[in-house]
Amino acid sequence: MFQCVVLAFWLRANFDWVALADYPVGRAAAAYLLIGSLVMFFTKSYVGIVRHTSLSDGLLLMRTTAATGVIAFLCDMGYSVF
């Protein structure tokens, strides 16, 4: 999902590199990476990453991804990070 955040900024600027200067891409990417790392740490979804083949492991990864997105959205609404 980290790549999706960067691509979303690029799409917002209509794929114009010069127009990206108006947006805090680096700060937003760093904030999203920090949020994602914290969510992975607290949900322990990194444990046994090689064996993630069962349905419960897949659901844990989906919950982790969803929680990262929701927390990033709430931070953006509250602090205008992105």
N, C-alpha and C. Protein backbone atom coordinates (compact mmCIF):
# COMPACT_ATOMS: atom_id res chain seq x y z
N MET A 1 0.81 -1.20 0.00
CA MET A 1 0.00 0.00 0.00
C MET A 1 0.85 1.25 0.00
N PHE A 2 2.11 1.14 0.41
CA PHE A 2 2.98 2.31 0.41
C PHE A 2 3.13 2.87 -1.00
N GLN A 3 3.25 1.97 -1.98
CA GLN A 3 3.37 2.40 -3.36
C GLN A 3 2.11 3.10 -3.82
N CYS A 4 0.96 2.67 -3.32
CA CYS A 4 -0.31 3.30 -3.69
C CYS A 4 -0.37 4.74 -3.22
N VAL A 5 0.21 5.02 -2.06
CA VAL A 5 0.22 6.40 -1.55
C VAL A 5 1.05 7.28 -2.48
N VAL A 6 2.23 6.81 -2.87
CA VAL A 6 3.08 7.59 -3.76
C VAL A 6 2.42 7.76 -5.12
N LEU A 7 1.83 6.69 -5.64
CA LEU A 7 1.14 6.78 -6.93
C LEU A 7 -0.07 7.71 -6.87
N ALA A 8 -0.74 7.75 -5.72
CA ALA A 8 -1.89 8.65 -5.57
C ALA A 8 -1.45 10.11 -5.68
N PHE A 9 -0.32 10.44 -5.09
CA PHE A 9 0.19 11.80 -5.23
C PHE A 9 0.57 12.11 -6.67
N TRP A 10 1.18 11.14 -7.33
CA TRP A 10 1.57 11.33 -8.72
C TRP A 10 0.34 11.50 -9.60
N LEU A 11 -0.71 10.74 -9.33
CA LEU A 11 -1.95 10.85 -10.07
C LEU A 11 -2.64 12.18 -9.79
N ARG A 12 -2.58 12.63 -8.54
CA ARG A 12 -3.18 13.92 -8.17
C ARG A 12 -2.56 15.05 -8.99
N ALA A 13 -1.27 14.94 -9.27
CA ALA A 13 -0.57 15.96 -10.05
C ALA A 13 -0.64 15.68 -11.54
N ASN A 14 -1.49 14.75 -11.95
CA ASN A 14 -1.67 14.39 -13.35
C ASN A 14 -0.36 13.94 -13.99
N PHE A 15 0.42 13.17 -13.24
CA PHE A 15 1.68 12.59 -13.68
C PHE A 15 2.71 13.64 -14.09
N ASP A 16 2.63 14.81 -13.50
CA ASP A 16 3.57 15.90 -13.77
C ASP A 16 4.50 16.03 -12.57
N TRP A 17 5.78 15.73 -12.79
CA TRP A 17 6.75 15.76 -11.69
C TRP A 17 6.90 17.16 -11.10
N VAL A 18 6.82 18.18 -11.94
CA VAL A 18 6.99 19.56 -11.46
C VAL A 18 5.84 19.95 -10.54
N ALA A 19 4.63 19.50 -10.85
CA ALA A 19 3.47 19.85 -10.03
C ALA A 19 3.51 19.18 -8.66
N LEU A 20 4.31 18.14 -8.52
CA LEU A 20 4.41 17.47 -7.21
C LEU A 20 5.10 18.34 -6.17
N ALA A 21 5.76 19.41 -6.61
CA ALA A 21 6.42 20.31 -5.66
C ALA A 21 5.41 20.99 -4.75
N ASP A 22 4.15 21.06 -5.17
CA ASP A 22 3.10 21.70 -4.37
C ASP A 22 2.58 20.80 -3.25
N TYR A 23 2.92 19.53 -3.28
CA TYR A 23 2.40 18.57 -2.31
C TYR A 23 3.53 18.03 -1.43
N PRO A 24 3.26 17.79 -0.15
CA PRO A 24 4.29 17.25 0.76
C PRO A 24 4.42 15.73 0.63
N VAL A 25 4.91 15.28 -0.51
CA VAL A 25 4.97 13.84 -0.79
C VAL A 25 5.89 13.12 0.20
N GLY A 26 7.04 13.69 0.46
CA GLY A 26 7.99 13.04 1.37
C GLY A 26 7.45 12.91 2.78
N ARG A 27 6.83 13.97 3.27
CA ARG A 27 6.27 13.94 4.63
C ARG A 27 5.11 12.96 4.71
N ALA A 28 4.28 12.93 3.69
CA ALA A 28 3.14 12.00 3.68
C ALA A 28 3.62 10.56 3.59
N ALA A 29 4.62 10.30 2.75
CA ALA A 29 5.14 8.95 2.62
C ALA A 29 5.79 8.49 3.93
N ALA A 30 6.52 9.38 4.58
CA ALA A 30 7.14 9.03 5.86
C ALA A 30 6.09 8.77 6.93
N ALA A 31 5.04 9.58 6.97
CA ALA A 31 3.97 9.37 7.95
C ALA A 31 3.26 8.05 7.70
N TYR A 32 2.98 7.73 6.44
CA TYR A 32 2.30 6.48 6.12
C TYR A 32 3.18 5.28 6.45
N LEU A 33 4.48 5.41 6.19
CA LEU A 33 5.40 4.33 6.52
C LEU A 33 5.49 4.12 8.03
N LEU A 34 5.50 5.20 8.79
CA LEU A 34 5.53 5.10 10.25
C LEU A 34 4.25 4.46 10.78
N ILE A 35 3.10 4.89 10.28
CA ILE A 35 1.83 4.31 10.71
C ILE A 35 1.77 2.82 10.38
N GLY A 36 2.18 2.47 9.16
CA GLY A 36 2.18 1.07 8.75
C GLY A 36 3.09 0.21 9.61
N SER A 37 4.26 0.75 9.94
CA SER A 37 5.19 0.01 10.79
C SER A 37 4.63 -0.20 12.19
N LEU A 38 4.01 0.83 12.74
CA LEU A 38 3.41 0.69 14.08
C LEU A 38 2.26 -0.31 14.09
N VAL A 39 1.42 -0.27 13.07
CA VAL A 39 0.30 -1.21 13.00
C VAL A 39 0.82 -2.64 12.86
N MET A 40 1.85 -2.83 12.02
CA MET A 40 2.42 -4.17 11.89
C MET A 40 3.02 -4.65 13.21
N PHE A 41 3.64 -3.73 13.96
CA PHE A 41 4.23 -4.11 15.24
C PHE A 41 3.15 -4.53 16.24
N PHE A 42 2.06 -3.78 16.31
CA PHE A 42 1.03 -4.08 17.30
C PHE A 42 0.15 -5.27 16.90
N THR A 43 -0.04 -5.51 15.61
CA THR A 43 -0.84 -6.66 15.20
C THR A 43 -0.01 -7.92 15.03
N LYS A 44 1.30 -7.78 15.09
CA LYS A 44 2.24 -8.91 14.94
C LYS A 44 2.04 -9.66 13.63
N SER A 45 1.68 -8.95 12.58
CA SER A 45 1.46 -9.61 11.29
C SER A 45 2.76 -10.00 10.60
N TYR A 46 3.89 -9.53 11.11
CA TYR A 46 5.18 -9.89 10.54
C TYR A 46 5.67 -11.25 11.02
N VAL A 47 5.07 -11.80 12.05
CA VAL A 47 5.51 -13.07 12.62
C VAL A 47 5.18 -14.20 11.65
N GLY A 48 6.17 -14.97 11.29
CA GLY A 48 5.96 -16.10 10.39
C GLY A 48 5.52 -15.69 9.01
N ILE A 49 6.10 -14.62 8.48
CA ILE A 49 5.66 -14.07 7.20
C ILE A 49 5.79 -15.10 6.07
N VAL A 50 6.69 -16.05 6.20
CA VAL A 50 6.89 -17.05 5.16
C VAL A 50 5.71 -18.02 5.10
N ARG A 51 5.09 -18.28 6.23
CA ARG A 51 4.03 -19.28 6.27
C ARG A 51 2.63 -18.70 6.12
N HIS A 52 2.49 -17.47 5.71
CA HIS A 52 1.16 -16.84 5.58
C HIS A 52 0.40 -17.45 4.41
N THR A 53 -0.17 -18.60 4.65
CA THR A 53 -0.93 -19.26 3.60
C THR A 53 -2.33 -19.62 4.04
N SER A 54 -2.58 -19.60 5.34
CA SER A 54 -3.91 -19.99 5.80
C SER A 54 -4.87 -18.80 5.73
N LEU A 55 -6.13 -19.09 5.87
CA LEU A 55 -7.15 -18.06 5.80
C LEU A 55 -7.03 -17.08 6.97
N SER A 56 -6.72 -17.59 8.14
CA SER A 56 -6.59 -16.69 9.31
C SER A 56 -5.40 -15.75 9.16
N ASP A 57 -4.31 -16.24 8.57
CA ASP A 57 -3.15 -15.38 8.34
C ASP A 57 -3.47 -14.32 7.28
N GLY A 58 -4.19 -14.69 6.27
CA GLY A 58 -4.60 -13.73 5.25
C GLY A 58 -5.53 -12.66 5.81
N LEU A 59 -6.44 -13.07 6.69
CA LEU A 59 -7.33 -12.10 7.32
C LEU A 59 -6.57 -11.15 8.23
N LEU A 60 -5.54 -11.66 8.91
CA LEU A 60 -4.70 -10.80 9.75
C LEU A 60 -3.99 -9.74 8.90
N LEU A 61 -3.48 -10.14 7.75
CA LEU A 61 -2.84 -9.18 6.86
C LEU A 61 -3.84 -8.16 6.32
N MET A 62 -5.05 -8.60 6.01
CA MET A 62 -6.08 -7.67 5.53
C MET A 62 -6.47 -6.69 6.63
N ARG A 63 -6.58 -7.16 7.87
CA ARG A 63 -6.89 -6.26 8.99
C ARG A 63 -5.78 -5.25 9.20
N THR A 64 -4.54 -5.70 9.07
CA THR A 64 -3.40 -4.80 9.23
C THR A 64 -3.42 -3.72 8.16
N THR A 65 -3.67 -4.10 6.92
CA THR A 65 -3.73 -3.13 5.84
C THR A 65 -4.89 -2.16 6.02
N ALA A 66 -6.03 -2.67 6.42
CA ALA A 66 -7.20 -1.80 6.64
C ALA A 66 -6.96 -0.85 7.80
N ALA A 67 -6.36 -1.34 8.87
CA ALA A 67 -6.09 -0.47 10.02
C ALA A 67 -5.11 0.63 9.65
N THR A 68 -4.11 0.31 8.85
CA THR A 68 -3.15 1.32 8.40
C THR A 68 -3.86 2.39 7.59
N GLY A 69 -4.73 1.99 6.68
CA GLY A 69 -5.46 2.96 5.88
C GLY A 69 -6.38 3.84 6.70
N VAL A 70 -7.08 3.24 7.65
CA VAL A 70 -8.01 4.01 8.49
C VAL A 70 -7.25 5.00 9.37
N ILE A 71 -6.16 4.55 9.98
CA ILE A 71 -5.39 5.45 10.84
C ILE A 71 -4.77 6.58 10.03
N ALA A 72 -4.26 6.27 8.84
CA ALA A 72 -3.70 7.32 7.99
C ALA A 72 -4.79 8.32 7.58
N PHE A 73 -5.98 7.82 7.28
CA PHE A 73 -7.09 8.70 6.93
C PHE A 73 -7.47 9.61 8.10
N LEU A 74 -7.55 9.04 9.29
CA LEU A 74 -7.91 9.84 10.47
C LEU A 74 -6.84 10.87 10.80
N CYS A 75 -5.58 10.49 10.64
CA CYS A 75 -4.50 11.46 10.85
C CYS A 75 -4.58 12.58 9.84
N ASP A 76 -4.89 12.25 8.61
CA ASP A 76 -5.00 13.27 7.57
C ASP A 76 -6.17 14.20 7.85
N MET A 77 -7.27 13.66 8.34
CA MET A 77 -8.43 14.50 8.65
C MET A 77 -8.14 15.42 9.84
N GLY A 78 -7.37 14.94 10.80
CA GLY A 78 -7.11 15.71 12.00
C GLY A 78 -5.95 16.68 11.90
N TYR A 79 -4.92 16.30 11.15
CA TYR A 79 -3.71 17.11 11.14
C TYR A 79 -3.31 17.61 9.76
N SER A 80 -4.01 17.24 8.72
CA SER A 80 -3.67 17.61 7.34
C SER A 80 -2.22 17.28 7.02
N VAL A 81 -1.83 16.05 7.31
CA VAL A 81 -0.46 15.60 7.06
C VAL A 81 -0.21 15.47 5.57
N PHE A 82 -1.20 14.96 4.86
CA PHE A 82 -1.01 14.69 3.44
C PHE A 82 -1.46 15.88 2.65
